[in-house]
Amino acid sequence: MNTQDKIRQNIRDIREDKNLTQADMAERLSMSVTGYAKLERGENNISIERLHRIAQILEVEVFDLMTSGSEGVLVFNNSHDNFSNSSNFSLALGNPALEAEIKHLNYIINAKNELLDAREREIDSLKQQITVLQKVITTLENNKESI
């Protein structure tokens, strides 16, 4: 069972343990019953905001909805950064997924480092241009004085 399916199963199990119907959940989430049912069946994606609201309704932590009961590591990253110019949501469960997430994050770090290096080179070039322009100004001022 993949991670998203496990989350949906956890939501369903906890909802049923609390004797809540899909109609109850839909009402509390301001959704149609059909829309909520599609969330539990995996026909619609669950946003992190909605997952948080579901956890509140079920009176559990978001982490409780994400745990799979199997060994592994859970990595949760919900960030907005200037590099990708988008919101990112990553969830890694278990060692293979964790390794893939680490590779992805290393790629982002390397790309950001390349951008920083390019900016440093540009700054150095601009400093050199300033030095040359200052010399030109000094030379022009000296020539003006001698005229």
Protein backbone atom coordinates (compact mmCIF):
# COMPACT_ATOMS: atom_id res chain seq x y z
CA MET A 1 0.00 0.00 0.00
CA ASN A 2 1.49 3.36 -0.97
CA THR A 3 1.75 6.26 1.44
CA GLN A 4 -1.26 8.17 0.16
CA ASP A 5 -3.43 5.05 0.31
CA LYS A 6 -2.24 4.43 3.87
CA ILE A 7 -3.16 8.00 4.86
CA ARG A 8 -6.62 7.55 3.36
CA GLN A 9 -7.01 4.20 5.14
CA ASN A 10 -5.94 5.79 8.44
CA ILE A 11 -8.50 8.57 7.96
CA ARG A 12 -11.22 6.03 7.25
CA ASP A 13 -10.24 3.80 10.19
CA ILE A 14 -10.07 6.67 12.69
CA ARG A 15 -13.32 8.16 11.35
CA GLU A 16 -15.08 4.82 11.80
CA ASP A 17 -13.54 4.32 15.27
CA LYS A 18 -15.05 7.67 16.26
CA ASN A 19 -18.44 6.62 14.82
CA LEU A 20 -18.41 9.42 12.26
CA THR A 21 -19.95 8.97 8.84
CA GLN A 22 -18.65 10.35 5.59
CA ALA A 23 -21.62 12.75 5.72
CA ASP A 24 -20.47 13.97 9.16
CA MET A 25 -16.96 14.59 7.83
CA ALA A 26 -18.24 16.28 4.68
CA GLU A 27 -20.42 18.65 6.72
CA ARG A 28 -17.56 19.58 9.06
CA LEU A 29 -15.24 20.14 6.11
CA SER A 30 -17.88 22.17 4.21
CA MET A 31 -17.79 19.66 1.37
CA SER A 32 -20.31 17.53 -0.42
CA VAL A 33 -20.58 13.92 0.71
CA THR A 34 -19.53 12.85 -2.78
CA GLY A 35 -16.47 15.10 -2.63
CA TYR A 36 -15.44 13.70 0.74
CA ALA A 37 -16.01 10.12 -0.41
CA LYS A 38 -13.71 10.81 -3.37
CA LEU A 39 -11.00 11.90 -0.92
CA GLU A 40 -11.23 8.63 0.98
CA ARG A 41 -11.27 6.61 -2.26
CA GLY A 42 -8.23 8.45 -3.63
CA GLU A 43 -10.06 10.04 -6.54
CA ASN A 44 -9.18 13.55 -5.29
CA ASN A 45 -5.93 14.72 -3.74
CA ILE A 46 -5.89 15.84 -0.13
CA SER A 47 -4.20 19.20 0.37
CA ILE A 48 -2.06 19.66 3.46
CA GLU A 49 -4.55 22.25 4.71
CA ARG A 50 -7.42 19.79 4.35
CA LEU A 51 -5.36 17.01 5.96
CA HIS A 52 -4.73 19.32 8.92
CA ARG A 53 -8.47 20.09 9.17
CA ILE A 54 -9.34 16.36 9.01
CA ALA A 55 -6.87 15.71 11.83
CA GLN A 56 -8.55 18.45 13.90
CA ILE A 57 -12.00 16.98 13.30
CA LEU A 58 -10.79 13.48 14.20
CA GLU A 59 -8.96 14.93 17.24
CA VAL A 60 -5.62 13.44 16.24
CA GLU A 61 -2.27 14.82 15.09
CA VAL A 62 -1.53 14.99 11.37
CA PHE A 63 1.37 12.63 12.04
CA ASP A 64 -1.15 10.02 13.31
CA LEU A 65 -2.83 10.07 9.91
CA MET A 66 0.52 9.58 8.17
CA THR A 67 2.01 6.76 10.22
CA SER A 68 1.93 3.39 8.59
CA GLY A 69 2.81 1.18 11.51
CA SER A 70 5.82 -0.09 9.59
CA GLU A 71 9.40 0.76 10.29
CA GLY A 72 10.75 3.67 8.41
CA VAL A 73 11.42 7.33 8.51
CA LEU A 74 8.85 9.99 7.83
CA VAL A 75 10.05 13.18 6.16
CA PHE A 76 7.59 16.01 5.82
CA ASN A 77 8.52 19.17 3.96
CA ASN A 78 6.03 21.89 3.19
CA SER A 79 7.91 24.93 2.01
CA HIS A 80 7.78 27.82 -0.37
CA ASP A 81 11.15 28.81 -1.74
CA ASN A 82 12.46 31.33 -4.23
CA PHE A 83 14.40 28.73 -6.20
CA SER A 84 11.49 26.71 -7.52
CA ASN A 85 8.97 29.55 -7.19
CA SER A 86 6.30 27.10 -6.02
CA SER A 87 4.95 25.41 -2.96
CA ASN A 88 6.42 22.00 -2.35
CA PHE A 89 5.02 19.12 -0.38
CA SER A 90 7.15 16.07 0.12
CA LEU A 91 6.42 12.97 2.11
CA ALA A 92 8.94 10.16 2.37
CA LEU A 93 8.24 6.97 4.25
CA GLY A 94 10.90 4.30 4.63
CA ASN A 95 14.52 4.19 3.56
CA PRO A 96 14.12 4.09 -0.28
CA ALA A 97 11.77 7.05 -0.16
CA LEU A 98 14.07 8.85 2.25
CA GLU A 99 17.03 8.32 -0.06
CA ALA A 100 15.05 9.72 -2.99
CA GLU A 101 14.02 12.74 -0.90
CA ILE A 102 17.64 13.33 0.15
CA LYS A 103 18.75 13.20 -3.51
CA HIS A 104 16.02 15.68 -4.44
CA LEU A 105 17.00 18.07 -1.64
CA ASN A 106 20.70 17.76 -2.56
CA TYR A 107 19.80 18.67 -6.14
CA ILE A 108 18.01 21.80 -4.91
CA ILE A 109 20.94 22.73 -2.66
CA ASN A 110 23.43 22.26 -5.51
CA ALA A 111 21.31 24.36 -7.87
CA LYS A 112 21.05 27.13 -5.26
CA ASN A 113 24.83 26.97 -4.69
CA GLU A 114 25.42 27.34 -8.43
CA LEU A 115 23.17 30.43 -8.43
CA LEU A 116 25.07 31.88 -5.49
CA ASP A 117 28.40 31.24 -7.21
CA ALA A 118 27.15 32.95 -10.38
CA ARG A 119 26.04 35.95 -8.32
CA GLU A 120 29.44 36.12 -6.60
CA ARG A 121 31.16 36.13 -10.02
CA GLU A 122 28.81 38.89 -11.17
CA ILE A 123 29.55 40.94 -8.03
CA ASP A 124 33.31 40.53 -8.59
CA SER A 125 32.90 41.65 -12.20
CA LEU A 126 30.91 44.70 -11.13
CA LYS A 127 33.57 45.58 -8.54
CA GLN A 128 36.21 45.44 -11.27
CA GLN A 129 34.07 47.70 -13.48
CA ILE A 130 33.71 50.18 -10.60
CA THR A 131 37.49 50.23 -10.11
CA VAL A 132 38.05 50.90 -13.82
CA LEU A 133 35.39 53.62 -13.87
CA GLN A 134 36.94 55.26 -10.80
CA LYS A 135 40.29 55.33 -12.61
CA VAL A 136 38.65 56.86 -15.68
CA ILE A 137 36.99 59.54 -13.51
CA THR A 138 40.28 60.31 -11.78
CA THR A 139 42.06 60.57 -15.14
CA LEU A 140 39.36 62.85 -16.57
CA GLU A 141 39.44 65.07 -13.48
CA ASN A 142 43.23 65.33 -13.68
CA ASN A 143 43.03 66.19 -17.39
CA LYS A 144 40.35 68.80 -16.68
CA GLU A 145 42.55 70.44 -14.04
CA SER A 146 45.55 70.59 -16.35
CA ILE A 147 43.58 72.37 -19.07
